[in-house]
Each structure stands twice: as C-alpha cells, then as structure tokens.
Amino acid sequence: MINKPNKTIYKNQKQIRKKIIKKIRDKFLDKVKEAYLIGSLAEGKFGIYDKEFEGYFGSDIDIVAIPAEITIKWKYEGDFYDWHSLYNIGEIKIKDTLHPIMFMIPFEQDINLFWKKAKELNWKIEKLK
C-alpha cells in the first residue's frame, strides 16, 4: 500500500466537484463511451497534500473510462493492480494547485473488471457518461 502524505480537504467540496465535473464533461469526454468518477472527489475527500505526491500537491481526479480511442495527448502511466491501465489526460487548477485527471481504463475495455473491483472495495461511484 502506498503511503500518501497528509491532505487538507477543501471545505467547499460540492462547488469544486460541480466545477470539475463540468470541465471534464466539456473537455475530456468527447473520446469516451462510458465514464465513472471514483476516489476522493466522489467521496468528498478532495484536497491538497502537505507535500508533493506523484508529481502533484493536489488530489488526483480518478475516472474509470471506456474510450472510443486513446489519444496521443494522454500520458500512459502503466498497468496497475489486476484490472486497469492508467493515463494522465490533463490537469485542472483549483486555488493555484494542479490536480491531475487520471483515466483508469479496464484491461481489454472490460467494464466488468471495474464493477468487480468496485463491489469488492465498496467504492462510491458517479456515472459521468
């Protein structure tokens, strides 16, 4: 398990979540068939780390996606765990802090791998597309 630094959670979670989801829908879902928000933004625990973590001070924005195509602009980060490949597709700035947008693409685009993992770990999920 990765030890993350301490995090200060933004007080205005609902407004930030709404702003981020709008930007993601407007700019990043055009090449995607399905998309689901998970992680700290879905759970209301989105914020800023006390020190840099994986190149950022801001929480990442985790989206499970089934793309129509993978664009050359997306940065492949590797295969993780037993179910997905990870791509950094961009960033969103909140209060002078950059937050990476991460697409988690199930192996062979098998969405059932995601649902199995989500059930196993009791993830909070929000459908974006």
Protein backbone atom coordinates (compact mmCIF):
# COMPACT_ATOMS: atom_id res chain seq x y z
CA MET A 1 0.00 0.00 0.00
CA ILE A 2 1.25 3.47 -0.90
CA ASN A 3 1.68 5.92 1.97
CA LYS A 4 0.18 9.21 0.90
CA PRO A 5 1.08 12.50 2.63
CA ASN A 6 -1.46 14.18 4.90
CA LYS A 7 -4.16 16.02 2.99
CA THR A 8 -6.13 19.18 3.72
CA ILE A 9 -9.62 18.66 2.34
CA TYR A 10 -11.23 21.58 0.52
CA LYS A 11 -14.11 23.00 2.56
CA ASN A 12 -16.31 23.68 -0.49
CA GLN A 13 -16.38 20.10 -1.85
CA LYS A 14 -19.75 20.40 -3.61
CA GLN A 15 -18.83 23.55 -5.56
CA ILE A 16 -15.40 22.20 -6.53
CA ARG A 17 -16.87 18.83 -7.56
CA LYS A 18 -19.50 20.55 -9.71
CA LYS A 19 -16.86 22.78 -11.39
CA ILE A 20 -14.54 19.83 -12.08
CA ILE A 21 -17.28 17.57 -13.46
CA LYS A 22 -18.47 20.33 -15.80
CA LYS A 23 -14.94 20.89 -17.11
CA ILE A 24 -14.36 17.15 -17.55
CA ARG A 25 -17.64 16.72 -19.44
CA ASP A 26 -16.92 19.77 -21.62
CA LYS A 27 -13.27 19.00 -22.43
CA PHE A 28 -12.34 15.38 -21.80
CA LEU A 29 -15.23 13.00 -22.50
CA ASP A 30 -15.61 13.51 -26.26
CA LYS A 31 -13.50 10.39 -26.99
CA VAL A 32 -15.16 8.28 -24.28
CA LYS A 33 -18.09 5.84 -24.46
CA GLU A 34 -18.52 5.44 -20.67
CA ALA A 35 -17.03 7.30 -17.69
CA TYR A 36 -17.37 6.91 -13.92
CA LEU A 37 -16.00 9.17 -11.19
CA ILE A 38 -14.43 7.38 -8.20
CA GLY A 39 -11.90 8.25 -5.50
CA SER A 40 -11.53 11.33 -3.32
CA LEU A 41 -13.68 13.64 -5.47
CA ALA A 42 -16.59 11.17 -5.43
CA GLU A 43 -16.15 10.62 -1.68
CA GLY A 44 -15.95 14.31 -0.68
CA LYS A 45 -12.29 13.99 0.38
CA PHE A 46 -10.69 16.05 -2.39
CA GLY A 47 -7.88 18.41 -1.40
CA ILE A 48 -4.21 19.38 -1.20
CA TYR A 49 -1.36 17.23 0.12
CA ASP A 50 1.10 18.61 2.68
CA LYS A 51 3.94 17.61 0.35
CA GLU A 52 4.29 16.59 -3.26
CA PHE A 53 2.89 13.15 -4.12
CA GLU A 54 3.49 11.50 -7.52
CA GLY A 55 4.43 14.88 -9.01
CA TYR A 56 1.47 16.87 -7.63
CA PHE A 57 0.30 18.61 -4.49
CA GLY A 58 -3.38 18.24 -5.47
CA SER A 59 -5.54 15.12 -5.18
CA ASP A 60 -5.94 13.28 -8.44
CA ILE A 61 -9.27 13.04 -10.20
CA ASP A 62 -9.97 9.34 -10.76
CA ILE A 63 -12.20 8.41 -13.68
CA VAL A 64 -12.82 4.90 -14.92
CA ALA A 65 -13.28 5.25 -18.67
CA ILE A 66 -14.07 3.17 -21.73
CA PRO A 67 -12.58 5.25 -24.55
CA ALA A 68 -13.67 5.22 -28.17
CA GLU A 69 -10.00 5.89 -28.84
CA ILE A 70 -6.87 6.65 -26.81
CA THR A 71 -5.42 9.94 -27.97
CA ILE A 72 -1.73 10.67 -28.34
CA LYS A 73 -2.06 13.51 -25.79
CA TRP A 74 -2.81 11.06 -22.97
CA LYS A 75 0.28 10.07 -20.96
CA TYR A 76 0.42 6.33 -20.27
CA GLU A 77 1.42 5.74 -16.63
CA GLY A 78 1.42 1.92 -16.66
CA ASP A 79 -0.74 -1.08 -15.81
CA PHE A 80 -1.93 -1.32 -12.22
CA TYR A 81 -3.30 -3.97 -9.95
CA ASP A 82 -5.19 -6.68 -11.74
CA TRP A 83 -7.64 -4.64 -13.73
CA HIS A 84 -6.56 -1.37 -15.43
CA SER A 85 -4.12 0.80 -17.37
CA LEU A 86 -3.65 4.37 -16.14
CA TYR A 87 -3.43 7.51 -18.28
CA ASN A 88 -2.83 11.11 -17.19
CA ILE A 89 -5.11 13.01 -19.57
CA GLY A 90 -4.67 16.56 -18.25
CA GLU A 91 -4.90 18.81 -15.23
CA ILE A 92 -7.37 21.11 -13.52
CA LYS A 93 -6.22 24.04 -11.42
CA ILE A 94 -8.05 24.79 -8.16
CA LYS A 95 -6.79 27.67 -5.98
CA ASP A 96 -3.32 27.68 -7.62
CA THR A 97 -2.94 23.90 -7.17
CA LEU A 98 -2.84 21.48 -10.11
CA HIS A 99 -4.89 18.30 -9.88
CA PRO A 100 -4.15 15.53 -12.41
CA ILE A 101 -7.03 13.91 -14.28
CA MET A 102 -6.44 10.17 -14.41
CA PHE A 103 -8.29 7.78 -16.70
CA MET A 104 -8.33 4.20 -15.44
CA ILE A 105 -9.08 2.00 -18.45
CA PRO A 106 -10.02 -1.60 -17.64
CA PHE A 107 -7.93 -4.23 -19.42
CA GLU A 108 -9.42 -5.09 -22.80
CA GLN A 109 -12.00 -2.39 -22.00
CA ASP A 110 -13.88 -4.95 -19.90
CA ILE A 111 -16.07 -2.77 -17.67
CA ASN A 112 -16.90 -5.85 -15.58
CA LEU A 113 -13.35 -5.74 -14.16
CA PHE A 114 -14.19 -2.30 -12.75
CA TRP A 115 -17.56 -3.35 -11.34
CA LYS A 116 -15.99 -6.37 -9.66
CA LYS A 117 -13.28 -4.21 -8.03
CA ALA A 118 -15.80 -1.52 -7.05
CA LYS A 119 -18.00 -4.07 -5.32
CA GLU A 120 -15.04 -5.71 -3.59
CA LEU A 121 -13.77 -2.36 -2.23
CA ASN A 122 -17.19 -0.72 -1.77
CA TRP A 123 -16.34 2.33 -3.89
CA LYS A 124 -18.61 5.32 -4.24
CA ILE A 125 -19.29 5.75 -7.97
CA GLU A 126 -20.84 8.53 -10.02
CA LYS A 127 -21.66 8.00 -13.68
CA LEU A 128 -20.35 10.87 -15.83
CA LYS A 129 -21.22 9.47 -19.26
